[in-house]
Amino acid sequence: FVIATQGPLERRWVEVHWGDKSHNLPAEPSVALTVTMHALDELLKTACAPAADPTRVYLAGLSMGGFAVWDALTRWPGRFAGALSMAGGADNRAILSSLGPPQLPPVWAFHGSRDTIVKPERSDGAIDALRKAGLSEEEARYTVFDGQSHGIWNHVFDDASIGVWLFSHRRPHPDAPVETILAKACVTVLAQLECT
């Protein structure tokens, strides 16, 4: 399953200005993020078995959605097995105060070196905060696309190895640390997709 929600017009995933050098985590999540989390809850809640695997819930967001990734991870760290944030930004102090349990999940952040809409320092600072919170360099990755501006997500989604990395993580239950699992099936499927 994929839940791909869009933020409502005239609203933001995180009600902060993304051009600022930093921001404080708002006291409450935005309406859009709250509704999305409710949709996720409904998808995972059934009488007999969830409609999707609750141990393998991932986040991906670009630009304003990249801010939502960081906001959701900070508010609900035990919900996710991993995340991708593209051209986003976080409240770095909130990340540092989110020391587990549950442990924050692995995150791979991406930014264009010439992004003038959301400064690359926003992703750099968030990943630095994750590493200070105890995640390894393998768990807190950061890629800068040299010479690129804000719209770097096609570079990310074109690289099958990023999906392999993301889907190689799972969280057995909310208070458990994230586990790295073999992703042979994922590698095979992605390799076949690249060949067609």
C-alpha atoms as a PDB file:
ATOM      1  CA  PHE A   1       0.000   0.000   0.000  1.00  0.00           C
ATOM      2  CA  VAL A   2       1.051   3.571  -0.621  1.00  0.00           C
ATOM      3  CA  ILE A   3      -0.616   6.513   1.061  1.00  0.00           C
ATOM      4  CA  ALA A   4       0.295   9.558  -1.032  1.00  0.00           C
ATOM      5  CA  THR A   5      -1.530  12.508   0.444  1.00  0.00           C
ATOM      6  CA  GLN A   6      -1.303  16.104  -0.691  1.00  0.00           C
ATOM      7  CA  GLY A   7      -1.317  19.096   1.619  1.00  0.00           C
ATOM      8  CA  PRO A   8      -4.451  21.258   1.407  1.00  0.00           C
ATOM      9  CA  LEU A   9      -4.305  24.558  -0.487  1.00  0.00           C
ATOM     10  CA  GLU A  10      -3.069  27.496   1.561  1.00  0.00           C
ATOM     11  CA  ARG A  11      -1.783  25.132   4.280  1.00  0.00           C
ATOM     12  CA  ARG A  12       1.509  23.390   4.995  1.00  0.00           C
ATOM     13  CA  TRP A  13       2.513  19.941   6.163  1.00  0.00           C
ATOM     14  CA  VAL A  14       4.319  21.691   8.980  1.00  0.00           C
ATOM     15  CA  GLU A  15       3.104  25.208   9.710  1.00  0.00           C
ATOM     16  CA  VAL A  16       6.542  26.847   9.551  1.00  0.00           C
ATOM     17  CA  HIS A  17       8.334  28.913   6.931  1.00  0.00           C
ATOM     18  CA  TRP A  18      10.681  26.593   5.049  1.00  0.00           C
ATOM     19  CA  GLY A  19      13.037  29.388   4.005  1.00  0.00           C
ATOM     20  CA  ASP A  20      14.095  30.004   7.617  1.00  0.00           C
ATOM     21  CA  LYS A  21      17.438  28.751   8.912  1.00  0.00           C
ATOM     22  CA  SER A  22      15.669  26.742  11.638  1.00  0.00           C
ATOM     23  CA  HIS A  23      12.276  26.245  13.237  1.00  0.00           C
ATOM     24  CA  ASN A  24      10.708  24.969  16.428  1.00  0.00           C
ATOM     25  CA  LEU A  25       8.438  21.949  16.250  1.00  0.00           C
ATOM     26  CA  PRO A  26       4.859  23.280  16.450  1.00  0.00           C
ATOM     27  CA  ALA A  27       2.965  22.208  19.572  1.00  0.00           C
ATOM     28  CA  GLU A  28       0.480  20.230  17.471  1.00  0.00           C
ATOM     29  CA  PRO A  29       0.882  18.469  14.117  1.00  0.00           C
ATOM     30  CA  SER A  30      -0.741  20.132  11.120  1.00  0.00           C
ATOM     31  CA  VAL A  31      -4.220  19.161   9.992  1.00  0.00           C
ATOM     32  CA  ALA A  32      -2.776  17.426   6.899  1.00  0.00           C
ATOM     33  CA  LEU A  33      -0.320  15.364   8.947  1.00  0.00           C
ATOM     34  CA  THR A  34      -2.969  14.461  11.516  1.00  0.00           C
ATOM     35  CA  VAL A  35      -5.371  13.258   8.804  1.00  0.00           C
ATOM     36  CA  THR A  36      -2.602  11.255   7.117  1.00  0.00           C
ATOM     37  CA  MET A  37      -1.651   9.544  10.362  1.00  0.00           C
ATOM     38  CA  HIS A  38      -5.324   8.731  10.935  1.00  0.00           C
ATOM     39  CA  ALA A  39      -5.503   7.169   7.453  1.00  0.00           C
ATOM     40  CA  LEU A  40      -2.415   5.100   8.297  1.00  0.00           C
ATOM     41  CA  ASP A  41      -4.003   3.984  11.561  1.00  0.00           C
ATOM     42  CA  GLU A  42      -7.139   2.891   9.719  1.00  0.00           C
ATOM     43  CA  LEU A  43      -5.116   0.965   7.149  1.00  0.00           C
ATOM     44  CA  LEU A  44      -3.210  -0.888   9.849  1.00  0.00           C
ATOM     45  CA  LYS A  45      -6.241  -1.543  12.057  1.00  0.00           C
ATOM     46  CA  THR A  46      -8.457  -4.474  11.120  1.00  0.00           C
ATOM     47  CA  ALA A  47     -10.167  -7.172  13.167  1.00  0.00           C
ATOM     48  CA  CYS A  48      -8.115 -10.150  11.934  1.00  0.00           C
ATOM     49  CA  ALA A  49      -4.988  -8.827  10.294  1.00  0.00           C
ATOM     50  CA  PRO A  50      -3.760  -5.449   9.135  1.00  0.00           C
ATOM     51  CA  ALA A  51      -4.131  -4.580   5.471  1.00  0.00           C
ATOM     52  CA  ALA A  52      -0.419  -3.737   5.381  1.00  0.00           C
ATOM     53  CA  ASP A  53       2.615  -4.937   7.339  1.00  0.00           C
ATOM     54  CA  PRO A  54       2.897  -2.639  10.397  1.00  0.00           C
ATOM     55  CA  THR A  55       6.573  -3.563  10.811  1.00  0.00           C
ATOM     56  CA  ARG A  56       7.385  -2.024   7.420  1.00  0.00           C
ATOM     57  CA  VAL A  57       5.904   1.468   7.391  1.00  0.00           C
ATOM     58  CA  TYR A  58       8.094   4.042   5.657  1.00  0.00           C
ATOM     59  CA  LEU A  59       7.982   7.782   5.067  1.00  0.00           C
ATOM     60  CA  ALA A  60       9.090   9.719   2.013  1.00  0.00           C
ATOM     61  CA  GLY A  61       8.563  13.397   1.421  1.00  0.00           C
ATOM     62  CA  LEU A  62       9.869  16.086  -0.842  1.00  0.00           C
ATOM     63  CA  SER A  63      10.153  19.791  -0.143  1.00  0.00           C
ATOM     64  CA  MET A  64       7.278  20.657   2.194  1.00  0.00           C
ATOM     65  CA  GLY A  65       6.716  16.902   2.502  1.00  0.00           C
ATOM     66  CA  GLY A  66      10.346  16.565   3.589  1.00  0.00           C
ATOM     67  CA  PHE A  67       9.480  18.784   6.552  1.00  0.00           C
ATOM     68  CA  ALA A  68       6.517  16.475   7.267  1.00  0.00           C
ATOM     69  CA  VAL A  69       8.844  13.459   7.316  1.00  0.00           C
ATOM     70  CA  TRP A  70      10.953  15.023  10.060  1.00  0.00           C
ATOM     71  CA  ASP A  71       7.890  16.245  11.970  1.00  0.00           C
ATOM     72  CA  ALA A  72       6.271  12.774  11.907  1.00  0.00           C
ATOM     73  CA  LEU A  73       9.505  11.019  12.905  1.00  0.00           C
ATOM     74  CA  THR A  74       9.917  13.350  15.865  1.00  0.00           C
ATOM     75  CA  ARG A  75       6.309  12.964  17.034  1.00  0.00           C
ATOM     76  CA  TRP A  76       5.898   9.214  16.367  1.00  0.00           C
ATOM     77  CA  PRO A  77       9.395   7.652  16.158  1.00  0.00           C
ATOM     78  CA  GLY A  78       8.167   4.125  16.896  1.00  0.00           C
ATOM     79  CA  ARG A  79       5.737   4.091  13.977  1.00  0.00           C
ATOM     80  CA  PHE A  80       8.270   3.918  11.162  1.00  0.00           C
ATOM     81  CA  ALA A  81      10.967   1.566   9.905  1.00  0.00           C
ATOM     82  CA  GLY A  82      12.770   4.174   7.798  1.00  0.00           C
ATOM     83  CA  ALA A  83      12.403   7.408   5.888  1.00  0.00           C
ATOM     84  CA  LEU A  84      13.565   9.478   2.934  1.00  0.00           C
ATOM     85  CA  SER A  85      13.534  13.269   3.183  1.00  0.00           C
ATOM     86  CA  MET A  86      14.206  15.341   0.083  1.00  0.00           C
ATOM     87  CA  ALA A  87      14.894  19.080   0.348  1.00  0.00           C
ATOM     88  CA  GLY A  88      13.271  19.238   3.782  1.00  0.00           C
ATOM     89  CA  GLY A  89      14.124  20.507   7.227  1.00  0.00           C
ATOM     90  CA  ALA A  90      13.672  19.557  10.864  1.00  0.00           C
ATOM     91  CA  ASP A  91      13.643  20.996  14.346  1.00  0.00           C
ATOM     92  CA  ASN A  92      17.101  19.669  15.199  1.00  0.00           C
ATOM     93  CA  ARG A  93      16.589  20.197  18.948  1.00  0.00           C
ATOM     94  CA  ALA A  94      13.417  18.077  18.796  1.00  0.00           C
ATOM     95  CA  ILE A  95      15.406  15.295  17.117  1.00  0.00           C
ATOM     96  CA  LEU A  96      18.009  15.446  19.874  1.00  0.00           C
ATOM     97  CA  SER A  97      15.295  15.311  22.541  1.00  0.00           C
ATOM     98  CA  SER A  98      13.765  12.231  20.866  1.00  0.00           C
ATOM     99  CA  LEU A  99      16.308   9.828  22.302  1.00  0.00           C
ATOM    100  CA  GLY A 100      14.548   6.468  22.616  1.00  0.00           C
ATOM    101  CA  PRO A 101      13.003   4.234  23.300  1.00  0.00           C
ATOM    102  CA  PRO A 102      11.680   4.129  20.765  1.00  0.00           C
ATOM    103  CA  GLN A 103      14.763   4.876  18.743  1.00  0.00           C
ATOM    104  CA  LEU A 104      14.391   7.145  15.751  1.00  0.00           C
ATOM    105  CA  PRO A 105      14.390   5.126  12.527  1.00  0.00           C
ATOM    106  CA  PRO A 106      17.037   5.290   9.792  1.00  0.00           C
ATOM    107  CA  VAL A 107      16.752   8.323   7.511  1.00  0.00           C
ATOM    108  CA  TRP A 108      18.395   9.144   4.199  1.00  0.00           C
ATOM    109  CA  ALA A 109      18.195  12.858   3.454  1.00  0.00           C
ATOM    110  CA  PHE A 110      18.867  14.458   0.074  1.00  0.00           C
ATOM    111  CA  HIS A 111      19.415  18.047  -0.972  1.00  0.00           C
ATOM    112  CA  GLY A 112      20.606  20.058  -3.945  1.00  0.00           C
ATOM    113  CA  SER A 113      23.752  22.084  -3.237  1.00  0.00           C
ATOM    114  CA  ARG A 114      22.226  25.157  -4.917  1.00  0.00           C
ATOM    115  CA  ASP A 115      18.773  24.961  -3.316  1.00  0.00           C
ATOM    116  CA  THR A 116      17.602  28.503  -2.545  1.00  0.00           C
ATOM    117  CA  ILE A 117      14.078  27.528  -1.409  1.00  0.00           C
ATOM    118  CA  VAL A 118      15.152  25.258   1.457  1.00  0.00           C
ATOM    119  CA  LYS A 119      18.795  25.677   2.339  1.00  0.00           C
ATOM    120  CA  PRO A 120      20.923  22.488   2.239  1.00  0.00           C
ATOM    121  CA  GLU A 121      21.973  23.228   5.807  1.00  0.00           C
ATOM    122  CA  ARG A 122      18.477  22.155   6.912  1.00  0.00           C
ATOM    123  CA  SER A 123      19.067  18.537   5.826  1.00  0.00           C
ATOM    124  CA  ASP A 124      22.692  18.614   6.969  1.00  0.00           C
ATOM    125  CA  GLY A 125      21.655  19.796  10.445  1.00  0.00           C
ATOM    126  CA  ALA A 126      18.903  17.199  10.757  1.00  0.00           C
ATOM    127  CA  ILE A 127      21.245  14.336   9.853  1.00  0.00           C
ATOM    128  CA  ASP A 128      23.873  15.706  12.239  1.00  0.00           C
ATOM    129  CA  ALA A 129      21.231  15.716  15.002  1.00  0.00           C
ATOM    130  CA  LEU A 130      20.318  12.085  14.201  1.00  0.00           C
ATOM    131  CA  ARG A 131      23.961  11.068  14.485  1.00  0.00           C
ATOM    132  CA  LYS A 132      24.284  12.929  17.794  1.00  0.00           C
ATOM    133  CA  ALA A 133      21.145  11.056  18.912  1.00  0.00           C
ATOM    134  CA  GLY A 134      23.006   7.797  18.354  1.00  0.00           C
ATOM    135  CA  LEU A 135      22.288   6.702  14.789  1.00  0.00           C
ATOM    136  CA  SER A 136      25.251   5.471  12.759  1.00  0.00           C
ATOM    137  CA  GLU A 137      26.322   6.937   9.416  1.00  0.00           C
ATOM    138  CA  GLU A 138      24.619   3.957   7.736  1.00  0.00           C
ATOM    139  CA  GLU A 139      21.375   4.792   9.558  1.00  0.00           C
ATOM    140  CA  ALA A 140      21.623   8.580   9.106  1.00  0.00           C
ATOM    141  CA  ARG A 141      22.668   9.163   5.507  1.00  0.00           C
ATOM    142  CA  TYR A 142      22.989  12.422   3.636  1.00  0.00           C
ATOM    143  CA  THR A 143      23.480  12.928  -0.091  1.00  0.00           C
ATOM    144  CA  VAL A 144      24.027  16.320  -1.699  1.00  0.00           C
ATOM    145  CA  PHE A 145      23.440  16.623  -5.427  1.00  0.00           C
ATOM    146  CA  ASP A 146      26.198  18.988  -6.508  1.00  0.00           C
ATOM    147  CA  GLY A 147      25.048  21.837  -8.737  1.00  0.00           C
ATOM    148  CA  GLN A 148      21.351  20.950  -8.330  1.00  0.00           C
ATOM    149  CA  SER A 149      18.667  23.255  -6.978  1.00  0.00           C
ATOM    150  CA  HIS A 150      15.428  22.359  -5.186  1.00  0.00           C
ATOM    151  CA  GLY A 151      13.874  19.700  -7.455  1.00  0.00           C
ATOM    152  CA  ILE A 152      16.186  16.764  -6.760  1.00  0.00           C
ATOM    153  CA  TRP A 153      13.563  14.058  -6.166  1.00  0.00           C
ATOM    154  CA  ASN A 154      13.798  12.529  -9.649  1.00  0.00           C
ATOM    155  CA  HIS A 155      17.465  11.758  -8.935  1.00  0.00           C
ATOM    156  CA  VAL A 156      16.383   9.999  -5.749  1.00  0.00           C
ATOM    157  CA  PHE A 157      13.513   8.000  -7.225  1.00  0.00           C
ATOM    158  CA  ASP A 158      15.615   6.994 -10.258  1.00  0.00           C
ATOM    159  CA  ASP A 159      18.177   5.234  -8.031  1.00  0.00           C
ATOM    160  CA  ALA A 160      17.026   1.687  -7.192  1.00  0.00           C
ATOM    161  CA  SER A 161      19.684   1.324  -4.478  1.00  0.00           C
ATOM    162  CA  ILE A 162      17.835   3.905  -2.378  1.00  0.00           C
ATOM    163  CA  GLY A 163      14.710   1.741  -2.357  1.00  0.00           C
ATOM    164  CA  VAL A 164      16.796  -1.298  -1.488  1.00  0.00           C
ATOM    165  CA  TRP A 165      18.273   0.593   1.466  1.00  0.00           C
ATOM    166  CA  LEU A 166      14.870   1.836   2.664  1.00  0.00           C
ATOM    167  CA  PHE A 167      13.073  -1.499   2.371  1.00  0.00           C
ATOM    168  CA  SER A 168      15.890  -3.357   4.128  1.00  0.00           C
ATOM    169  CA  HIS A 169      14.611  -1.990   7.452  1.00  0.00           C
ATOM    170  CA  ARG A 170      11.720  -3.063   9.635  1.00  0.00           C
ATOM    171  CA  ARG A 171      10.536  -2.337  13.180  1.00  0.00           C
ATOM    172  CA  PRO A 172       9.168  -5.471  14.913  1.00  0.00           C
ATOM    173  CA  HIS A 173       7.044  -3.393  17.326  1.00  0.00           C
ATOM    174  CA  PRO A 174       6.884   0.288  18.321  1.00  0.00           C
ATOM    175  CA  ASP A 175       9.379   0.086  21.200  1.00  0.00           C
ATOM    176  CA  ALA A 176      11.804  -2.180  19.367  1.00  0.00           C
ATOM    177  CA  PRO A 177      14.862  -0.924  17.551  1.00  0.00           C
ATOM    178  CA  VAL A 178      14.771  -1.016  13.775  1.00  0.00           C
ATOM    179  CA  GLU A 179      16.233  -4.211  12.293  1.00  0.00           C
ATOM    180  CA  THR A 180      18.148  -4.508   9.049  1.00  0.00           C
ATOM    181  CA  ILE A 181      16.913  -7.450   7.021  1.00  0.00           C
ATOM    182  CA  LEU A 182      18.076  -9.012   3.800  1.00  0.00           C
ATOM    183  CA  ALA A 183      16.487  -7.389   0.812  1.00  0.00           C
ATOM    184  CA  LYS A 184      17.300 -10.024  -1.836  1.00  0.00           C
ATOM    185  CA  ALA A 185      13.739 -10.127  -3.171  1.00  0.00           C
ATOM    186  CA  CYS A 186      13.669  -6.349  -3.360  1.00  0.00           C
ATOM    187  CA  VAL A 187      16.991  -6.273  -5.195  1.00  0.00           C
ATOM    188  CA  THR A 188      15.757  -8.855  -7.689  1.00  0.00           C
ATOM    189  CA  VAL A 189      12.504  -7.002  -8.390  1.00  0.00           C
ATOM    190  CA  LEU A 190      14.223  -3.641  -8.699  1.00  0.00           C
ATOM    191  CA  ALA A 191      16.893  -5.082 -10.981  1.00  0.00           C
ATOM    192  CA  GLN A 192      14.205  -6.533 -13.220  1.00  0.00           C
ATOM    193  CA  LEU A 193      12.402  -3.194 -13.327  1.00  0.00           C
ATOM    194  CA  GLU A 194      15.578  -1.404 -14.359  1.00  0.00           C
ATOM    195  CA  CYS A 195      16.123  -3.856 -17.211  1.00  0.00           C
ATOM    196  CA  THR A 196      12.679  -3.327 -18.744  1.00  0.00           C
END
